[in-house]
Each structure stands twice: as structure tokens, then as C-alpha cells.
Amino acid sequence: MTRTSRPATAPTVTGRPAGPVGTAEPADLVAAAVRAVPGVADLHPGPFGEAATYLPGRRVVGVRLRPDGAEVAAEVHVALLTGAPVLDTADLVRRAAEQVLGRPVLVAVEDLLPAPAGEPPSEPPSEPHTAVLGAAPGPIPGPIPGTLSDPTPGAPVAGGPFVDMDGEPR
């Protein structure tokens, strides 16, 4: 019996059309919405190339959809343009993806890339990002006594004094 193999012509690259009109996959819709956000250079495959949604004959790199019951609908991994405000742009990416999926989305900024030659740097959004981890607008507070951010030598730290590798308190 002779074994025949199929030619290796199945597309495995990103950027392919989603298929016939009207059959766009959710991952394709998220990818298109994210790429339209100012300051986004492109989607990113993640540190080990694992951030992707696999579809028949292709994959959508940078968008990893989760099952319907998951707390987070998807992970979106992006590379931003240098000069784009990272937190603001990540927030816009999150909003764009959540608008498509209707559920919470995690955003990972994986890289910063230079803008293509002849293209001006991204303009920051008109509303500055102030809701980082529930922080109030204003200056970043200084060291907090009793934590690792306190630079005072020998300052007590929650959980006991910091000890170096020789066992000496610092």
C-alpha cells in the first residue's frame, strides 16, 4: 500500500482574511478592534508564542480566547509604539476588546517598537489615565514606613527585618 501525503499548503500565518463575508470569528473581530487602537504597533505572540487562538487552518496571534465560563473572556497581547502612553493605550485596548466580547479581558503589553519611518509618534489620549490600581490622581507617594519601599537602613519591615545572604540584618 502506498501512502500519500497531503501537500503542506494549509495556511498557518496570521493576517489571513477571516473567511467568507459574515463569518468573522470573535478572535478576528478582537484583533481588528485592537489593531485600530492608536499606539498599537501590532498583536504579539507572547514570550513563547503561546498567545493565539487556533482556528481551522490558521491562528490569530496575540488573542487567546477563554472558554465561556472563564472569569476573563480573553487575553490580548500587544506591542505598542514607542512614545505611546503605556497605561492609557493598554486601557484603550482592553475597552476595545471588551466591547467586542462583552466580557472582561486581560491585556499584556509585551514590547515597545519604534514607529515606522515617516510616521509621527502616537498622540496621547485626551483623558490621562488616573485609575491605576484604584489610585487617586496626584503625585506618587513616597516610601511607606515599614515596607520594602522604605530606604531607611535597618528599618523594621513587616514580617521582620530584611536579612542579606550572610544572615546580616539590613
C-alpha atoms as a PDB file:
ATOM      1  CA  MET A   1       0.000   0.000   0.000  1.00  0.00           C
ATOM      2  CA  THR A   2       1.354   3.380  -0.963  1.00  0.00           C
ATOM      3  CA  ARG A   3       0.932   6.194   1.471  1.00  0.00           C
ATOM      4  CA  THR A   4       0.168   9.592   0.017  1.00  0.00           C
ATOM      5  CA  SER A   5       0.612  12.777   1.913  1.00  0.00           C
ATOM      6  CA  ARG A   6      -1.285  15.985   1.556  1.00  0.00           C
ATOM      7  CA  PRO A   7       0.685  18.958   0.328  1.00  0.00           C
ATOM      8  CA  ALA A   8       1.634  21.311   3.148  1.00  0.00           C
ATOM      9  CA  THR A   9      -0.338  24.256   1.824  1.00  0.00           C
ATOM     10  CA  ALA A  10      -2.631  24.887   4.777  1.00  0.00           C
ATOM     11  CA  PRO A  11      -2.164  28.492   5.877  1.00  0.00           C
ATOM     12  CA  THR A  12      -0.631  28.827   9.320  1.00  0.00           C
ATOM     13  CA  VAL A  13       0.223  32.511   9.306  1.00  0.00           C
ATOM     14  CA  THR A  14      -1.660  35.373  10.801  1.00  0.00           C
ATOM     15  CA  GLY A  15      -3.167  38.192   8.856  1.00  0.00           C
ATOM     16  CA  ARG A  16      -5.272  35.965   6.620  1.00  0.00           C
ATOM     17  CA  PRO A  17      -8.833  37.022   5.907  1.00  0.00           C
ATOM     18  CA  ALA A  18     -11.416  35.635   8.290  1.00  0.00           C
ATOM     19  CA  GLY A  19     -13.171  33.658   5.562  1.00  0.00           C
ATOM     20  CA  PRO A  20     -16.382  34.362   3.680  1.00  0.00           C
ATOM     21  CA  VAL A  21     -18.069  37.670   4.430  1.00  0.00           C
ATOM     22  CA  GLY A  22     -20.185  37.473   7.564  1.00  0.00           C
ATOM     23  CA  THR A  23     -18.281  34.573   9.141  1.00  0.00           C
ATOM     24  CA  ALA A  24     -15.652  36.500  11.102  1.00  0.00           C
ATOM     25  CA  GLU A  25     -14.533  34.676  14.209  1.00  0.00           C
ATOM     26  CA  PRO A  26     -14.571  36.515  17.568  1.00  0.00           C
ATOM     27  CA  ALA A  27     -10.745  36.375  17.654  1.00  0.00           C
ATOM     28  CA  ASP A  28     -10.600  38.131  14.259  1.00  0.00           C
ATOM     29  CA  LEU A  29     -13.000  40.819  15.478  1.00  0.00           C
ATOM     30  CA  VAL A  30     -10.931  41.402  18.624  1.00  0.00           C
ATOM     31  CA  ALA A  31      -7.714  41.530  16.561  1.00  0.00           C
ATOM     32  CA  ALA A  32      -9.202  44.123  14.187  1.00  0.00           C
ATOM     33  CA  ALA A  33     -10.515  46.266  17.064  1.00  0.00           C
ATOM     34  CA  VAL A  34      -7.167  46.154  18.890  1.00  0.00           C
ATOM     35  CA  ARG A  35      -5.122  46.986  15.785  1.00  0.00           C
ATOM     36  CA  ALA A  36      -7.306  50.083  15.304  1.00  0.00           C
ATOM     37  CA  VAL A  37      -6.318  51.499  18.716  1.00  0.00           C
ATOM     38  CA  PRO A  38      -3.868  54.424  18.393  1.00  0.00           C
ATOM     39  CA  GLY A  39      -0.430  53.486  19.719  1.00  0.00           C
ATOM     40  CA  VAL A  40      -0.741  49.758  18.993  1.00  0.00           C
ATOM     41  CA  ALA A  41       2.065  48.532  16.699  1.00  0.00           C
ATOM     42  CA  ASP A  42       0.563  45.037  16.359  1.00  0.00           C
ATOM     43  CA  LEU A  43      -0.569  41.986  18.237  1.00  0.00           C
ATOM     44  CA  HIS A  44       2.218  39.967  19.890  1.00  0.00           C
ATOM     45  CA  PRO A  45       2.557  36.173  20.191  1.00  0.00           C
ATOM     46  CA  GLY A  46       3.649  36.325  23.845  1.00  0.00           C
ATOM     47  CA  PRO A  47       7.012  35.301  25.305  1.00  0.00           C
ATOM     48  CA  PHE A  48       6.844  31.736  23.994  1.00  0.00           C
ATOM     49  CA  GLY A  49       4.427  32.157  21.103  1.00  0.00           C
ATOM     50  CA  GLU A  50       1.574  30.743  23.151  1.00  0.00           C
ATOM     51  CA  ALA A  51      -0.792  33.704  22.887  1.00  0.00           C
ATOM     52  CA  ALA A  52      -3.003  32.699  19.985  1.00  0.00           C
ATOM     53  CA  THR A  53      -6.413  31.392  19.062  1.00  0.00           C
ATOM     54  CA  TYR A  54      -6.278  28.361  16.799  1.00  0.00           C
ATOM     55  CA  LEU A  55      -8.823  28.223  14.015  1.00  0.00           C
ATOM     56  CA  PRO A  56      -9.172  25.742  11.143  1.00  0.00           C
ATOM     57  CA  GLY A  57      -6.029  26.111   9.038  1.00  0.00           C
ATOM     58  CA  ARG A  58      -4.742  29.245  10.751  1.00  0.00           C
ATOM     59  CA  ARG A  59      -4.263  31.039  14.031  1.00  0.00           C
ATOM     60  CA  VAL A  60      -4.881  34.548  15.314  1.00  0.00           C
ATOM     61  CA  VAL A  61      -1.684  35.549  17.111  1.00  0.00           C
ATOM     62  CA  GLY A  62      -1.969  37.802  20.159  1.00  0.00           C
ATOM     63  CA  VAL A  63      -5.558  36.911  21.043  1.00  0.00           C
ATOM     64  CA  ARG A  64      -6.182  33.935  23.311  1.00  0.00           C
ATOM     65  CA  LEU A  65      -9.887  33.315  23.829  1.00  0.00           C
ATOM     66  CA  ARG A  66     -11.010  31.556  27.002  1.00  0.00           C
ATOM     67  CA  PRO A  67     -13.985  29.206  27.457  1.00  0.00           C
ATOM     68  CA  ASP A  68     -17.373  30.822  28.073  1.00  0.00           C
ATOM     69  CA  GLY A  69     -17.358  30.035  31.802  1.00  0.00           C
ATOM     70  CA  ALA A  70     -13.962  31.618  32.450  1.00  0.00           C
ATOM     71  CA  GLU A  71     -13.736  34.754  34.589  1.00  0.00           C
ATOM     72  CA  VAL A  72     -11.789  36.503  31.817  1.00  0.00           C
ATOM     73  CA  ALA A  73     -13.019  36.220  28.211  1.00  0.00           C
ATOM     74  CA  ALA A  74      -9.629  36.608  26.565  1.00  0.00           C
ATOM     75  CA  GLU A  75      -6.011  37.609  26.838  1.00  0.00           C
ATOM     76  CA  VAL A  76      -4.790  40.212  24.375  1.00  0.00           C
ATOM     77  CA  HIS A  77      -1.012  40.526  23.910  1.00  0.00           C
ATOM     78  CA  VAL A  78       0.210  43.675  22.156  1.00  0.00           C
ATOM     79  CA  ALA A  79       3.331  45.533  21.098  1.00  0.00           C
ATOM     80  CA  LEU A  80       2.959  49.292  21.436  1.00  0.00           C
ATOM     81  CA  LEU A  81       4.668  52.085  19.557  1.00  0.00           C
ATOM     82  CA  THR A  82       7.427  53.872  21.454  1.00  0.00           C
ATOM     83  CA  GLY A  83       6.059  57.128  22.774  1.00  0.00           C
ATOM     84  CA  ALA A  84       2.527  55.820  23.255  1.00  0.00           C
ATOM     85  CA  PRO A  85       1.412  56.127  26.882  1.00  0.00           C
ATOM     86  CA  VAL A  86       1.508  52.505  28.010  1.00  0.00           C
ATOM     87  CA  LEU A  87      -1.251  52.516  30.639  1.00  0.00           C
ATOM     88  CA  ASP A  88      -3.618  54.647  28.588  1.00  0.00           C
ATOM     89  CA  THR A  89      -3.096  52.589  25.450  1.00  0.00           C
ATOM     90  CA  ALA A  90      -3.489  49.303  27.346  1.00  0.00           C
ATOM     91  CA  ASP A  91      -6.743  50.637  28.803  1.00  0.00           C
ATOM     92  CA  LEU A  92      -7.997  51.534  25.309  1.00  0.00           C
ATOM     93  CA  VAL A  93      -7.030  48.042  24.084  1.00  0.00           C
ATOM     94  CA  ARG A  94      -8.927  46.483  26.985  1.00  0.00           C
ATOM     95  CA  ARG A  95     -12.018  48.583  26.278  1.00  0.00           C
ATOM     96  CA  ALA A  96     -11.944  47.777  22.551  1.00  0.00           C
ATOM     97  CA  ALA A  97     -11.658  44.037  23.175  1.00  0.00           C
ATOM     98  CA  GLU A  98     -14.324  44.061  25.903  1.00  0.00           C
ATOM     99  CA  GLN A  99     -16.685  45.931  23.591  1.00  0.00           C
ATOM    100  CA  VAL A 100     -16.352  43.128  21.035  1.00  0.00           C
ATOM    101  CA  LEU A 101     -16.630  40.236  23.509  1.00  0.00           C
ATOM    102  CA  GLY A 102     -18.878  41.741  26.180  1.00  0.00           C
ATOM    103  CA  ARG A 103     -16.758  40.213  28.966  1.00  0.00           C
ATOM    104  CA  PRO A 104     -13.581  41.153  30.891  1.00  0.00           C
ATOM    105  CA  VAL A 105     -10.277  40.966  29.005  1.00  0.00           C
ATOM    106  CA  LEU A 106      -6.662  40.864  30.242  1.00  0.00           C
ATOM    107  CA  VAL A 107      -4.123  42.964  28.330  1.00  0.00           C
ATOM    108  CA  ALA A 108      -0.396  42.210  28.284  1.00  0.00           C
ATOM    109  CA  VAL A 109       1.983  44.780  26.827  1.00  0.00           C
ATOM    110  CA  GLU A 110       4.796  42.574  25.550  1.00  0.00           C
ATOM    111  CA  ASP A 111       7.021  45.010  23.667  1.00  0.00           C
ATOM    112  CA  LEU A 112       7.616  48.621  22.614  1.00  0.00           C
ATOM    113  CA  LEU A 113       8.507  49.144  18.956  1.00  0.00           C
ATOM    114  CA  PRO A 114       9.706  52.258  17.126  1.00  0.00           C
ATOM    115  CA  ALA A 115       7.184  53.968  14.877  1.00  0.00           C
ATOM    116  CA  PRO A 116       7.668  53.231  11.163  1.00  0.00           C
ATOM    117  CA  ALA A 117       9.855  55.770   9.341  1.00  0.00           C
ATOM    118  CA  GLY A 118       7.980  58.910   8.412  1.00  0.00           C
ATOM    119  CA  GLU A 119       5.161  58.244  10.870  1.00  0.00           C
ATOM    120  CA  PRO A 120       4.783  60.628  13.834  1.00  0.00           C
ATOM    121  CA  PRO A 121       4.640  59.151  17.351  1.00  0.00           C
ATOM    122  CA  SER A 122       1.219  58.355  18.768  1.00  0.00           C
ATOM    123  CA  GLU A 123      -0.752  61.151  20.355  1.00  0.00           C
ATOM    124  CA  PRO A 124      -1.706  60.504  23.985  1.00  0.00           C
ATOM    125  CA  PRO A 125      -5.416  60.135  24.713  1.00  0.00           C
ATOM    126  CA  SER A 126      -7.209  63.340  25.718  1.00  0.00           C
ATOM    127  CA  GLU A 127      -8.070  61.931  29.161  1.00  0.00           C
ATOM    128  CA  PRO A 128      -4.976  60.918  31.160  1.00  0.00           C
ATOM    129  CA  HIS A 129      -5.075  57.562  32.881  1.00  0.00           C
ATOM    130  CA  THR A 130      -5.544  58.059  36.622  1.00  0.00           C
ATOM    131  CA  ALA A 131      -7.289  54.925  37.797  1.00  0.00           C
ATOM    132  CA  VAL A 132      -4.225  52.714  38.173  1.00  0.00           C
ATOM    133  CA  LEU A 133      -4.990  50.093  40.796  1.00  0.00           C
ATOM    134  CA  GLY A 134      -7.543  52.388  42.369  1.00  0.00           C
ATOM    135  CA  ALA A 135      -5.038  55.199  42.955  1.00  0.00           C
ATOM    136  CA  ALA A 136      -6.277  58.749  43.264  1.00  0.00           C
ATOM    137  CA  PRO A 137      -4.947  61.352  40.848  1.00  0.00           C
ATOM    138  CA  GLY A 138      -1.881  63.186  42.080  1.00  0.00           C
ATOM    139  CA  PRO A 139       1.771  62.575  42.803  1.00  0.00           C
ATOM    140  CA  ILE A 140       3.036  59.100  43.535  1.00  0.00           C
ATOM    141  CA  PRO A 141       3.507  58.755  47.304  1.00  0.00           C
ATOM    142  CA  GLY A 142       6.991  58.339  48.746  1.00  0.00           C
ATOM    143  CA  PRO A 143       8.255  55.354  50.719  1.00  0.00           C
ATOM    144  CA  ILE A 144       5.780  53.722  53.037  1.00  0.00           C
ATOM    145  CA  PRO A 145       7.289  53.153  56.506  1.00  0.00           C
ATOM    146  CA  GLY A 146       7.553  49.507  57.479  1.00  0.00           C
ATOM    147  CA  THR A 147       7.586  48.207  53.887  1.00  0.00           C
ATOM    148  CA  LEU A 148      10.332  47.239  51.476  1.00  0.00           C
ATOM    149  CA  SER A 149       9.972  50.653  49.802  1.00  0.00           C
ATOM    150  CA  ASP A 150      11.343  52.327  52.967  1.00  0.00           C
ATOM    151  CA  PRO A 151      15.031  53.100  52.210  1.00  0.00           C
ATOM    152  CA  THR A 152      15.951  53.672  55.872  1.00  0.00           C
ATOM    153  CA  PRO A 153      18.746  51.197  56.745  1.00  0.00           C
ATOM    154  CA  GLY A 154      17.686  48.837  59.491  1.00  0.00           C
ATOM    155  CA  ALA A 155      14.071  49.980  59.306  1.00  0.00           C
ATOM    156  CA  PRO A 156      11.735  47.286  60.562  1.00  0.00           C
ATOM    157  CA  VAL A 157       9.833  45.633  57.745  1.00  0.00           C
ATOM    158  CA  ALA A 158       6.516  43.862  58.026  1.00  0.00           C
ATOM    159  CA  GLY A 159       7.364  40.232  58.746  1.00  0.00           C
ATOM    160  CA  GLY A 160      10.702  41.055  60.414  1.00  0.00           C
ATOM    161  CA  PRO A 161      13.980  42.666  59.406  1.00  0.00           C
ATOM    162  CA  PHE A 162      15.431  42.128  55.954  1.00  0.00           C
ATOM    163  CA  VAL A 163      18.397  39.734  56.135  1.00  0.00           C
ATOM    164  CA  ASP A 164      21.085  39.528  53.418  1.00  0.00           C
ATOM    165  CA  MET A 165      22.690  36.292  52.198  1.00  0.00           C
ATOM    166  CA  ASP A 166      25.229  36.321  55.061  1.00  0.00           C
ATOM    167  CA  GLY A 167      22.466  36.490  57.656  1.00  0.00           C
ATOM    168  CA  GLU A 168      23.210  40.123  58.492  1.00  0.00           C
ATOM    169  CA  PRO A 169      20.200  42.372  59.079  1.00  0.00           C
ATOM    170  CA  ARG A 170      19.966  45.311  56.701  1.00  0.00           C
END
